[in-house]
Amino acid sequence: MQHPPQSRWQQRVFEDVLKERRYQERQWGQDVDDNLNTPWMWCAYICSYATKWMKNPHFWTREDTEEFYDRMIQTSAIAAAAAESILRQRDAHGKTFYESDTRPEQ
């Protein structure tokens, strides 16, 4: 690894994100990621997962904090999936399916 984790907490988080990515790959594969999910859709998924834990923002229990941690890991893994999809598509086709060859007129 070119940039190793700087602390045991970073190591744990990276391991948990990678574990979640492996789960997501088994669950959904890459076809939808590389053929249907646009940047708008990725952002919607990220926002949805990032806020699922929100209940009462003025009272936190250990259980709430655990759920927050889990959702942040899932959110991070979804963001990683979006980035992976871009790289895969560019490797295979030179661009993503949603990239246009021309810029819209302004």
PDB file of N, CA and C in Angstrom:
ATOM      1  N   MET A   1       0.850  -1.177   0.000  1.00  0.00           N
ATOM      2  CA  MET A   1       0.000   0.000   0.000  1.00  0.00           C
ATOM      3  C   MET A   1       0.893   1.236   0.000  1.00  0.00           C
ATOM      4  N   GLN A   2       0.628   2.129  -0.927  1.00  0.00           N
ATOM      5  CA  GLN A   2       1.456   3.308  -1.089  1.00  0.00           C
ATOM      6  C   GLN A   2       1.342   4.285   0.079  1.00  0.00           C
ATOM      7  N   HIS A   3       0.138   4.432   0.607  1.00  0.00           N
ATOM      8  CA  HIS A   3      -0.099   5.348   1.722  1.00  0.00           C
ATOM      9  C   HIS A   3      -0.726   4.557   2.871  1.00  0.00           C
ATOM     10  N   PRO A   4       0.086   3.969   3.711  1.00  0.00           N
ATOM     11  CA  PRO A   4      -0.473   3.146   4.792  1.00  0.00           C
ATOM     12  C   PRO A   4      -1.255   3.997   5.788  1.00  0.00           C
ATOM     13  N   PRO A   5      -2.196   3.392   6.458  1.00  0.00           N
ATOM     14  CA  PRO A   5      -2.956   4.119   7.485  1.00  0.00           C
ATOM     15  C   PRO A   5      -2.019   4.726   8.520  1.00  0.00           C
ATOM     16  N   GLN A   6      -2.406   5.874   9.024  1.00  0.00           N
ATOM     17  CA  GLN A   6      -1.588   6.594   9.988  1.00  0.00           C
ATOM     18  C   GLN A   6      -1.895   6.227  11.436  1.00  0.00           C
ATOM     19  N   SER A   7      -2.973   5.493  11.647  1.00  0.00           N
ATOM     20  CA  SER A   7      -3.345   5.116  13.012  1.00  0.00           C
ATOM     21  C   SER A   7      -4.150   3.830  12.976  1.00  0.00           C
ATOM     22  N   ARG A   8      -4.318   3.236  14.124  1.00  0.00           N
ATOM     23  CA  ARG A   8      -5.116   2.011  14.199  1.00  0.00           C
ATOM     24  C   ARG A   8      -6.581   2.300  13.886  1.00  0.00           C
ATOM     25  N   TRP A   9      -7.031   3.539  14.126  1.00  0.00           N
ATOM     26  CA  TRP A   9      -8.414   3.894  13.837  1.00  0.00           C
ATOM     27  C   TRP A   9      -8.633   4.007  12.322  1.00  0.00           C
ATOM     28  N   GLN A  10      -7.659   4.611  11.627  1.00  0.00           N
ATOM     29  CA  GLN A  10      -7.746   4.641  10.166  1.00  0.00           C
ATOM     30  C   GLN A  10      -7.738   3.222   9.612  1.00  0.00           C
ATOM     31  N   GLN A  11      -6.873   2.386  10.140  1.00  0.00           N
ATOM     32  CA  GLN A  11      -6.783   1.001   9.687  1.00  0.00           C
ATOM     33  C   GLN A  11      -8.129   0.300   9.848  1.00  0.00           C
ATOM     34  N   ARG A  12      -8.749   0.464  10.995  1.00  0.00           N
ATOM     35  CA  ARG A  12     -10.051  -0.170  11.272  1.00  0.00           C
ATOM     36  C   ARG A  12     -11.117   0.337  10.313  1.00  0.00           C
ATOM     37  N   VAL A  13     -11.163   1.657  10.110  1.00  0.00           N
ATOM     38  CA  VAL A  13     -12.166   2.231   9.216  1.00  0.00           C
ATOM     39  C   VAL A  13     -11.958   1.731   7.785  1.00  0.00           C
ATOM     40  N   PHE A  14     -10.705   1.737   7.305  1.00  0.00           N
ATOM     41  CA  PHE A  14     -10.427   1.267   5.940  1.00  0.00           C
ATOM     42  C   PHE A  14     -10.809  -0.204   5.787  1.00  0.00           C
ATOM     43  N   GLU A  15     -10.512  -0.998   6.784  1.00  0.00           N
ATOM     44  CA  GLU A  15     -10.881  -2.419   6.735  1.00  0.00           C
ATOM     45  C   GLU A  15     -12.401  -2.588   6.705  1.00  0.00           C
ATOM     46  N   ASP A  16     -13.108  -1.794   7.509  1.00  0.00           N
ATOM     47  CA  ASP A  16     -14.570  -1.885   7.533  1.00  0.00           C
ATOM     48  C   ASP A  16     -15.189  -1.421   6.212  1.00  0.00           C
ATOM     49  N   VAL A  17     -14.627  -0.368   5.618  1.00  0.00           N
ATOM     50  CA  VAL A  17     -15.124   0.103   4.317  1.00  0.00           C
ATOM     51  C   VAL A  17     -14.881  -0.965   3.256  1.00  0.00           C
ATOM     52  N   LEU A  18     -13.701  -1.558   3.242  1.00  0.00           N
ATOM     53  CA  LEU A  18     -13.397  -2.604   2.263  1.00  0.00           C
ATOM     54  C   LEU A  18     -14.316  -3.813   2.459  1.00  0.00           C
ATOM     55  N   LYS A  19     -14.574  -4.182   3.688  1.00  0.00           N
ATOM     56  CA  LYS A  19     -15.500  -5.287   3.976  1.00  0.00           C
ATOM     57  C   LYS A  19     -16.886  -4.963   3.428  1.00  0.00           C
ATOM     58  N   GLU A  20     -17.345  -3.738   3.619  1.00  0.00           N
ATOM     59  CA  GLU A  20     -18.648  -3.321   3.101  1.00  0.00           C
ATOM     60  C   GLU A  20     -18.651  -3.313   1.573  1.00  0.00           C
ATOM     61  N   ARG A  21     -17.559  -2.878   0.956  1.00  0.00           N
ATOM     62  CA  ARG A  21     -17.475  -2.896  -0.517  1.00  0.00           C
ATOM     63  C   ARG A  21     -17.576  -4.319  -1.047  1.00  0.00           C
ATOM     64  N   ARG A  22     -16.925  -5.247  -0.375  1.00  0.00           N
ATOM     65  CA  ARG A  22     -17.004  -6.650  -0.799  1.00  0.00           C
ATOM     66  C   ARG A  22     -18.439  -7.159  -0.690  1.00  0.00           C
ATOM     67  N   TYR A  23     -19.121  -6.791   0.367  1.00  0.00           N
ATOM     68  CA  TYR A  23     -20.527  -7.163   0.530  1.00  0.00           C
ATOM     69  C   TYR A  23     -21.359  -6.577  -0.609  1.00  0.00           C
ATOM     70  N   GLN A  24     -21.166  -5.290  -0.901  1.00  0.00           N
ATOM     71  CA  GLN A  24     -21.922  -4.638  -1.965  1.00  0.00           C
ATOM     72  C   GLN A  24     -21.669  -5.312  -3.319  1.00  0.00           C
ATOM     73  N   GLU A  25     -20.431  -5.656  -3.589  1.00  0.00           N
ATOM     74  CA  GLU A  25     -20.092  -6.336  -4.851  1.00  0.00           C
ATOM     75  C   GLU A  25     -20.840  -7.668  -4.974  1.00  0.00           C
ATOM     76  N   ARG A  26     -20.849  -8.430  -3.888  1.00  0.00           N
ATOM     77  CA  ARG A  26     -21.568  -9.718  -3.909  1.00  0.00           C
ATOM     78  C   ARG A  26     -23.071  -9.490  -4.081  1.00  0.00           C
ATOM     79  N   GLN A  27     -23.574  -8.468  -3.434  1.00  0.00           N
ATOM     80  CA  GLN A  27     -25.007  -8.199  -3.433  1.00  0.00           C
ATOM     81  C   GLN A  27     -25.509  -7.684  -4.785  1.00  0.00           C
ATOM     82  N   TRP A  28     -24.798  -6.719  -5.385  1.00  0.00           N
ATOM     83  CA  TRP A  28     -25.316  -6.040  -6.571  1.00  0.00           C
ATOM     84  C   TRP A  28     -24.431  -6.139  -7.809  1.00  0.00           C
ATOM     85  N   GLY A  29     -23.201  -6.568  -7.662  1.00  0.00           N
ATOM     86  CA  GLY A  29     -22.320  -6.652  -8.826  1.00  0.00           C
ATOM     87  C   GLY A  29     -21.938  -5.286  -9.360  1.00  0.00           C
ATOM     88  N   GLN A  30     -21.509  -5.245 -10.624  1.00  0.00           N
ATOM     89  CA  GLN A  30     -21.025  -4.000 -11.218  1.00  0.00           C
ATOM     90  C   GLN A  30     -21.894  -3.515 -12.379  1.00  0.00           C
ATOM     91  N   ASP A  31     -22.767  -4.349 -12.891  1.00  0.00           N
ATOM     92  CA  ASP A  31     -23.529  -4.004 -14.090  1.00  0.00           C
ATOM     93  C   ASP A  31     -24.338  -2.716 -13.926  1.00  0.00           C
ATOM     94  N   VAL A  32     -25.105  -2.601 -12.852  1.00  0.00           N
ATOM     95  CA  VAL A  32     -25.913  -1.396 -12.627  1.00  0.00           C
ATOM     96  C   VAL A  32     -24.997  -0.190 -12.422  1.00  0.00           C
ATOM     97  N   ASP A  33     -23.916  -0.381 -11.668  1.00  0.00           N
ATOM     98  CA  ASP A  33     -22.980   0.720 -11.414  1.00  0.00           C
ATOM     99  C   ASP A  33     -22.432   1.294 -12.717  1.00  0.00           C
ATOM    100  N   ASP A  34     -22.081   0.425 -13.640  1.00  0.00           N
ATOM    101  CA  ASP A  34     -21.385   0.853 -14.854  1.00  0.00           C
ATOM    102  C   ASP A  34     -22.303   1.139 -16.028  1.00  0.00           C
ATOM    103  N   ASN A  35     -23.593   0.851 -15.898  1.00  0.00           N
ATOM    104  CA  ASN A  35     -24.507   1.036 -17.028  1.00  0.00           C
ATOM    105  C   ASN A  35     -25.749   1.878 -16.719  1.00  0.00           C
ATOM    106  N   LEU A  36     -26.055   2.083 -15.450  1.00  0.00           N
ATOM    107  CA  LEU A  36     -27.273   2.823 -15.102  1.00  0.00           C
ATOM    108  C   LEU A  36     -27.051   3.970 -14.118  1.00  0.00           C
ATOM    109  N   ASN A  37     -26.165   3.802 -13.147  1.00  0.00           N
ATOM    110  CA  ASN A  37     -26.005   4.813 -12.101  1.00  0.00           C
ATOM    111  C   ASN A  37     -25.265   6.047 -12.613  1.00  0.00           C
ATOM    112  N   THR A  38     -25.982   7.158 -12.643  1.00  0.00           N
ATOM    113  CA  THR A  38     -25.391   8.436 -13.054  1.00  0.00           C
ATOM    114  C   THR A  38     -24.854   9.155 -11.814  1.00  0.00           C
ATOM    115  N   PRO A  39     -24.089  10.228 -11.988  1.00  0.00           N
ATOM    116  CA  PRO A  39     -23.641  10.983 -10.814  1.00  0.00           C
ATOM    117  C   PRO A  39     -24.791  11.434  -9.911  1.00  0.00           C
ATOM    118  N   TRP A  40     -25.922  11.830 -10.495  1.00  0.00           N
ATOM    119  CA  TRP A  40     -27.076  12.220  -9.679  1.00  0.00           C
ATOM    120  C   TRP A  40     -27.540  11.063  -8.807  1.00  0.00           C
ATOM    121  N   MET A  41     -27.593   9.863  -9.392  1.00  0.00           N
ATOM    122  CA  MET A  41     -28.045   8.691  -8.640  1.00  0.00           C
ATOM    123  C   MET A  41     -27.063   8.351  -7.527  1.00  0.00           C
ATOM    124  N   TRP A  42     -25.766   8.396  -7.828  1.00  0.00           N
ATOM    125  CA  TRP A  42     -24.758   8.121  -6.794  1.00  0.00           C
ATOM    126  C   TRP A  42     -24.920   9.090  -5.627  1.00  0.00           C
ATOM    127  N   CYS A  43     -25.096  10.368  -5.929  1.00  0.00           N
ATOM    128  CA  CYS A  43     -25.246  11.359  -4.852  1.00  0.00           C
ATOM    129  C   CYS A  43     -26.509  11.109  -4.032  1.00  0.00           C
ATOM    130  N   ALA A  44     -27.581  10.687  -4.699  1.00  0.00           N
ATOM    131  CA  ALA A  44     -28.816  10.364  -3.977  1.00  0.00           C
ATOM    132  C   ALA A  44     -28.601   9.187  -3.031  1.00  0.00           C
ATOM    133  N   TYR A  45     -27.898   8.153  -3.499  1.00  0.00           N
ATOM    134  CA  TYR A  45     -27.602   7.008  -2.631  1.00  0.00           C
ATOM    135  C   TYR A  45     -26.768   7.442  -1.426  1.00  0.00           C
ATOM    136  N   ILE A  46     -25.754   8.242  -1.692  1.00  0.00           N
ATOM    137  CA  ILE A  46     -24.865   8.694  -0.624  1.00  0.00           C
ATOM    138  C   ILE A  46     -25.646   9.509   0.405  1.00  0.00           C
ATOM    139  N   CYS A  47     -26.470  10.441  -0.060  1.00  0.00           N
ATOM    140  CA  CYS A  47     -27.266  11.259   0.870  1.00  0.00           C
ATOM    141  C   CYS A  47     -28.238  10.405   1.670  1.00  0.00           C
ATOM    142  N   SER A  48     -28.850   9.448   1.009  1.00  0.00           N
ATOM    143  CA  SER A  48     -29.800   8.576   1.687  1.00  0.00           C
ATOM    144  C   SER A  48     -29.125   7.786   2.809  1.00  0.00           C
ATOM    145  N   TYR A  49     -28.009   7.163   2.501  1.00  0.00           N
ATOM    146  CA  TYR A  49     -27.320   6.369   3.522  1.00  0.00           C
ATOM    147  C   TYR A  49     -26.716   7.246   4.616  1.00  0.00           C
ATOM    148  N   ALA A  50     -26.250   8.415   4.239  1.00  0.00           N
ATOM    149  CA  ALA A  50     -25.618   9.293   5.229  1.00  0.00           C
ATOM    150  C   ALA A  50     -26.612   9.836   6.243  1.00  0.00           C
ATOM    151  N   THR A  51     -27.897   9.822   5.908  1.00  0.00           N
ATOM    152  CA  THR A  51     -28.888  10.409   6.814  1.00  0.00           C
ATOM    153  C   THR A  51     -29.857   9.396   7.419  1.00  0.00           C
ATOM    154  N   LYS A  52     -29.745   8.122   7.072  1.00  0.00           N
ATOM    155  CA  LYS A  52     -30.675   7.109   7.602  1.00  0.00           C
ATOM    156  C   LYS A  52     -30.629   6.994   9.125  1.00  0.00           C
ATOM    157  N   TRP A  53     -29.522   7.284   9.710  1.00  0.00           N
ATOM    158  CA  TRP A  53     -29.349   7.131  11.147  1.00  0.00           C
ATOM    159  C   TRP A  53     -30.018   8.252  11.929  1.00  0.00           C
ATOM    160  N   MET A  54     -30.363   9.365  11.269  1.00  0.00           N
ATOM    161  CA  MET A  54     -30.839  10.566  11.974  1.00  0.00           C
ATOM    162  C   MET A  54     -32.195  10.338  12.628  1.00  0.00           C
ATOM    163  N   LYS A  55     -32.233  10.538  13.914  1.00  0.00           N
ATOM    164  CA  LYS A  55     -33.476  10.399  14.671  1.00  0.00           C
ATOM    165  C   LYS A  55     -33.646  11.645  15.531  1.00  0.00           C
ATOM    166  N   ASN A  56     -33.232  11.567  16.764  1.00  0.00           N
ATOM    167  CA  ASN A  56     -33.306  12.698  17.665  1.00  0.00           C
ATOM    168  C   ASN A  56     -31.906  13.297  17.789  1.00  0.00           C
ATOM    169  N   PRO A  57     -31.639  14.410  17.124  1.00  0.00           N
ATOM    170  CA  PRO A  57     -30.265  14.935  17.107  1.00  0.00           C
ATOM    171  C   PRO A  57     -29.793  15.534  18.435  1.00  0.00           C
ATOM    172  N   HIS A  58     -30.620  15.522  19.451  1.00  0.00           N
ATOM    173  CA  HIS A  58     -30.210  16.126  20.725  1.00  0.00           C
ATOM    174  C   HIS A  58     -29.974  15.114  21.835  1.00  0.00           C
ATOM    175  N   PHE A  59     -30.116  13.829  21.517  1.00  0.00           N
ATOM    176  CA  PHE A  59     -29.914  12.802  22.533  1.00  0.00           C
ATOM    177  C   PHE A  59     -29.269  11.603  21.866  1.00  0.00           C
ATOM    178  N   TRP A  60     -28.047  11.278  22.285  1.00  0.00           N
ATOM    179  CA  TRP A  60     -27.297  10.195  21.644  1.00  0.00           C
ATOM    180  C   TRP A  60     -27.067   9.053  22.617  1.00  0.00           C
ATOM    181  N   THR A  61     -27.371   7.863  22.187  1.00  0.00           N
ATOM    182  CA  THR A  61     -27.054   6.672  22.970  1.00  0.00           C
ATOM    183  C   THR A  61     -25.911   5.939  22.277  1.00  0.00           C
ATOM    184  N   ARG A  62     -25.368   4.953  22.948  1.00  0.00           N
ATOM    185  CA  ARG A  62     -24.324   4.134  22.338  1.00  0.00           C
ATOM    186  C   ARG A  62     -24.860   3.446  21.079  1.00  0.00           C
ATOM    187  N   GLU A  63     -26.092   2.989  21.134  1.00  0.00           N
ATOM    188  CA  GLU A  63     -26.722   2.346  19.990  1.00  0.00           C
ATOM    189  C   GLU A  63     -26.827   3.316  18.800  1.00  0.00           C
ATOM    190  N   ASP A  64     -27.183   4.567  19.066  1.00  0.00           N
ATOM    191  CA  ASP A  64     -27.247   5.582  18.012  1.00  0.00           C
ATOM    192  C   ASP A  64     -25.873   5.796  17.383  1.00  0.00           C
ATOM    193  N   THR A  65     -24.864   5.856  18.229  1.00  0.00           N
ATOM    194  CA  THR A  65     -23.508   6.073  17.739  1.00  0.00           C
ATOM    195  C   THR A  65     -23.027   4.880  16.916  1.00  0.00           C
ATOM    196  N   GLU A  66     -23.382   3.674  17.325  1.00  0.00           N
ATOM    197  CA  GLU A  66     -23.036   2.484  16.544  1.00  0.00           C
ATOM    198  C   GLU A  66     -23.712   2.529  15.175  1.00  0.00           C
ATOM    199  N   GLU A  67     -24.981   2.906  15.163  1.00  0.00           N
ATOM    200  CA  GLU A  67     -25.685   3.007  13.885  1.00  0.00           C
ATOM    201  C   GLU A  67     -25.066   4.095  13.013  1.00  0.00           C
ATOM    202  N   PHE A  68     -24.687   5.219  13.619  1.00  0.00           N
ATOM    203  CA  PHE A  68     -24.022   6.294  12.879  1.00  0.00           C
ATOM    204  C   PHE A  68     -22.723   5.774  12.251  1.00  0.00           C
ATOM    205  N   TYR A  69     -21.924   5.058  13.026  1.00  0.00           N
ATOM    206  CA  TYR A  69     -20.672   4.492  12.507  1.00  0.00           C
ATOM    207  C   TYR A  69     -20.958   3.566  11.319  1.00  0.00           C
ATOM    208  N   ASP A  70     -21.905   2.659  11.488  1.00  0.00           N
ATOM    209  CA  ASP A  70     -22.245   1.721  10.412  1.00  0.00           C
ATOM    210  C   ASP A  70     -22.683   2.456   9.153  1.00  0.00           C
ATOM    211  N   ARG A  71     -23.511   3.473   9.297  1.00  0.00           N
ATOM    212  CA  ARG A  71     -23.993   4.233   8.133  1.00  0.00           C
ATOM    213  C   ARG A  71     -22.852   5.004   7.467  1.00  0.00           C
ATOM    214  N   MET A  72     -21.908   5.510   8.240  1.00  0.00           N
ATOM    215  CA  MET A  72     -20.775   6.218   7.650  1.00  0.00           C
ATOM    216  C   MET A  72     -19.879   5.249   6.868  1.00  0.00           C
ATOM    217  N   ILE A  73     -19.740   4.030   7.362  1.00  0.00           N
ATOM    218  CA  ILE A  73     -18.983   3.009   6.628  1.00  0.00           C
ATOM    219  C   ILE A  73     -19.705   2.684   5.325  1.00  0.00           C
ATOM    220  N   GLN A  74     -21.020   2.487   5.389  1.00  0.00           N
ATOM    221  CA  GLN A  74     -21.790   2.193   4.179  1.00  0.00           C
ATOM    222  C   GLN A  74     -21.718   3.352   3.188  1.00  0.00           C
ATOM    223  N   THR A  75     -21.830   4.571   3.691  1.00  0.00           N
ATOM    224  CA  THR A  75     -21.760   5.754   2.839  1.00  0.00           C
ATOM    225  C   THR A  75     -20.396   5.848   2.158  1.00  0.00           C
ATOM    226  N   SER A  76     -19.339   5.606   2.924  1.00  0.00           N
ATOM    227  CA  SER A  76     -17.987   5.628   2.360  1.00  0.00           C
ATOM    228  C   SER A  76     -17.821   4.570   1.282  1.00  0.00           C
ATOM    229  N   ALA A  77     -18.382   3.403   1.518  1.00  0.00           N
ATOM    230  CA  ALA A  77     -18.276   2.314   0.547  1.00  0.00           C
ATOM    231  C   ALA A  77     -19.055   2.638  -0.727  1.00  0.00           C
ATOM    232  N   ILE A  78     -20.197   3.301  -0.601  1.00  0.00           N
ATOM    233  CA  ILE A  78     -20.954   3.700  -1.789  1.00  0.00           C
ATOM    234  C   ILE A  78     -20.171   4.733  -2.590  1.00  0.00           C
ATOM    235  N   ALA A  79     -19.554   5.684  -1.909  1.00  0.00           N
ATOM    236  CA  ALA A  79     -18.730   6.677  -2.603  1.00  0.00           C
ATOM    237  C   ALA A  79     -17.557   5.990  -3.309  1.00  0.00           C
ATOM    238  N   ALA A  80     -16.965   4.999  -2.664  1.00  0.00           N
ATOM    239  CA  ALA A  80     -15.878   4.241  -3.295  1.00  0.00           C
ATOM    240  C   ALA A  80     -16.387   3.498  -4.518  1.00  0.00           C
ATOM    241  N   ALA A  81     -17.584   2.937  -4.445  1.00  0.00           N
ATOM    242  CA  ALA A  81     -18.164   2.225  -5.590  1.00  0.00           C
ATOM    243  C   ALA A  81     -18.343   3.170  -6.773  1.00  0.00           C
ATOM    244  N   ALA A  82     -18.777   4.386  -6.512  1.00  0.00           N
ATOM    245  CA  ALA A  82     -18.939   5.370  -7.587  1.00  0.00           C
ATOM    246  C   ALA A  82     -17.599   5.668  -8.250  1.00  0.00           C
ATOM    247  N   ALA A  83     -16.561   5.869  -7.439  1.00  0.00           N
ATOM    248  CA  ALA A  83     -15.228   6.148  -7.978  1.00  0.00           C
ATOM    249  C   ALA A  83     -14.685   4.942  -8.757  1.00  0.00           C
ATOM    250  N   GLU A  84     -14.896   3.749  -8.224  1.00  0.00           N
ATOM    251  CA  GLU A  84     -14.463   2.529  -8.920  1.00  0.00           C
ATOM    252  C   GLU A  84     -15.145   2.401 -10.273  1.00  0.00           C
ATOM    253  N   SER A  85     -16.433   2.717 -10.322  1.00  0.00           N
ATOM    254  CA  SER A  85     -17.191   2.616 -11.563  1.00  0.00           C
ATOM    255  C   SER A  85     -16.613   3.545 -12.632  1.00  0.00           C
ATOM    256  N   ILE A  86     -16.258   4.754 -12.248  1.00  0.00           N
ATOM    257  CA  ILE A  86     -15.641   5.690 -13.197  1.00  0.00           C
ATOM    258  C   ILE A  86     -14.366   5.092 -13.772  1.00  0.00           C
ATOM    259  N   LEU A  87     -13.501   4.586 -12.917  1.00  0.00           N
ATOM    260  CA  LEU A  87     -12.233   4.016 -13.386  1.00  0.00           C
ATOM    261  C   LEU A  87     -12.455   2.806 -14.288  1.00  0.00           C
ATOM    262  N   ARG A  88     -13.382   1.916 -13.910  1.00  0.00           N
ATOM    263  CA  ARG A  88     -13.669   0.732 -14.735  1.00  0.00           C
ATOM    264  C   ARG A  88     -14.173   1.131 -16.115  1.00  0.00           C
ATOM    265  N   GLN A  89     -15.122   2.062 -16.131  1.00  0.00           N
ATOM    266  CA  GLN A  89     -15.694   2.489 -17.409  1.00  0.00           C
ATOM    267  C   GLN A  89     -14.648   3.152 -18.303  1.00  0.00           C
ATOM    268  N   ARG A  90     -13.819   3.998 -17.718  1.00  0.00           N
ATOM    269  CA  ARG A  90     -12.785   4.665 -18.518  1.00  0.00           C
ATOM    270  C   ARG A  90     -11.758   3.662 -19.026  1.00  0.00           C
ATOM    271  N   ASP A  91     -11.435   2.656 -18.215  1.00  0.00           N
ATOM    272  CA  ASP A  91     -10.531   1.600 -18.679  1.00  0.00           C
ATOM    273  C   ASP A  91     -11.133   0.842 -19.861  1.00  0.00           C
ATOM    274  N   ALA A  92     -12.417   0.536 -19.767  1.00  0.00           N
ATOM    275  CA  ALA A  92     -13.071  -0.283 -20.784  1.00  0.00           C
ATOM    276  C   ALA A  92     -13.463   0.504 -22.041  1.00  0.00           C
ATOM    277  N   HIS A  93     -13.890   1.779 -21.874  1.00  0.00           N
ATOM    278  CA  HIS A  93     -14.485   2.519 -22.995  1.00  0.00           C
ATOM    279  C   HIS A  93     -13.861   3.890 -23.241  1.00  0.00           C
ATOM    280  N   GLY A  94     -12.916   4.291 -22.411  1.00  0.00           N
ATOM    281  CA  GLY A  94     -12.314   5.613 -22.568  1.00  0.00           C
ATOM    282  C   GLY A  94     -13.099   6.728 -21.902  1.00  0.00           C
ATOM    283  N   LYS A  95     -14.324   6.446 -21.494  1.00  0.00           N
ATOM    284  CA  LYS A  95     -15.162   7.421 -20.793  1.00  0.00           C
ATOM    285  C   LYS A  95     -16.312   6.685 -20.124  1.00  0.00           C
ATOM    286  N   THR A  96     -17.049   7.399 -19.269  1.00  0.00           N
ATOM    287  CA  THR A  96     -18.220   6.810 -18.629  1.00  0.00           C
ATOM    288  C   THR A  96     -19.402   6.862 -19.603  1.00  0.00           C
ATOM    289  N   PHE A  97     -20.418   6.059 -19.365  1.00  0.00           N
ATOM    290  CA  PHE A  97     -21.576   6.042 -20.259  1.00  0.00           C
ATOM    291  C   PHE A  97     -22.331   7.367 -20.224  1.00  0.00           C
ATOM    292  N   TYR A  98     -22.173   8.155 -19.169  1.00  0.00           N
ATOM    293  CA  TYR A  98     -22.906   9.415 -19.037  1.00  0.00           C
ATOM    294  C   TYR A  98     -22.093  10.630 -19.465  1.00  0.00           C
ATOM    295  N   GLU A  99     -20.838  10.440 -19.834  1.00  0.00           N
ATOM    296  CA  GLU A  99     -20.028  11.569 -20.307  1.00  0.00           C
ATOM    297  C   GLU A  99     -20.355  11.878 -21.761  1.00  0.00           C
ATOM    298  N   SER A 100     -20.571  13.153 -22.029  1.00  0.00           N
ATOM    299  CA  SER A 100     -20.820  13.602 -23.382  1.00  0.00           C
ATOM    300  C   SER A 100     -19.487  13.968 -24.037  1.00  0.00           C
ATOM    301  N   ASP A 101     -19.449  13.875 -25.356  1.00  0.00           N
ATOM    302  CA  ASP A 101     -18.246  14.267 -26.081  1.00  0.00           C
ATOM    303  C   ASP A 101     -18.141  15.780 -26.243  1.00  0.00           C
ATOM    304  N   THR A 102     -19.247  16.484 -26.089  1.00  0.00           N
ATOM    305  CA  THR A 102     -19.245  17.937 -26.248  1.00  0.00           C
ATOM    306  C   THR A 102     -19.824  18.614 -25.023  1.00  0.00           C
ATOM    307  N   ARG A 103     -19.403  19.842 -24.825  1.00  0.00           N
ATOM    308  CA  ARG A 103     -19.926  20.632 -23.714  1.00  0.00           C
ATOM    309  C   ARG A 103     -21.215  21.336 -24.168  1.00  0.00           C
ATOM    310  N   PRO A 104     -22.204  21.450 -23.282  1.00  0.00           N
ATOM    311  CA  PRO A 104     -23.417  22.165 -23.667  1.00  0.00           C
ATOM    312  C   PRO A 104     -23.115  23.661 -23.859  1.00  0.00           C
ATOM    313  N   GLU A 105     -23.840  24.289 -24.738  1.00  0.00           N
ATOM    314  CA  GLU A 105     -23.666  25.726 -24.976  1.00  0.00           C
ATOM    315  C   GLU A 105     -24.166  26.494 -23.771  1.00  0.00           C
ATOM    316  N   GLN A 106     -23.448  27.554 -23.441  1.00  0.00           N
ATOM    317  CA  GLN A 106     -23.848  28.349 -22.257  1.00  0.00           C
ATOM    318  C   GLN A 106     -24.379  29.696 -22.661  1.00  0.00           C
TER     319      GLN A 106
END
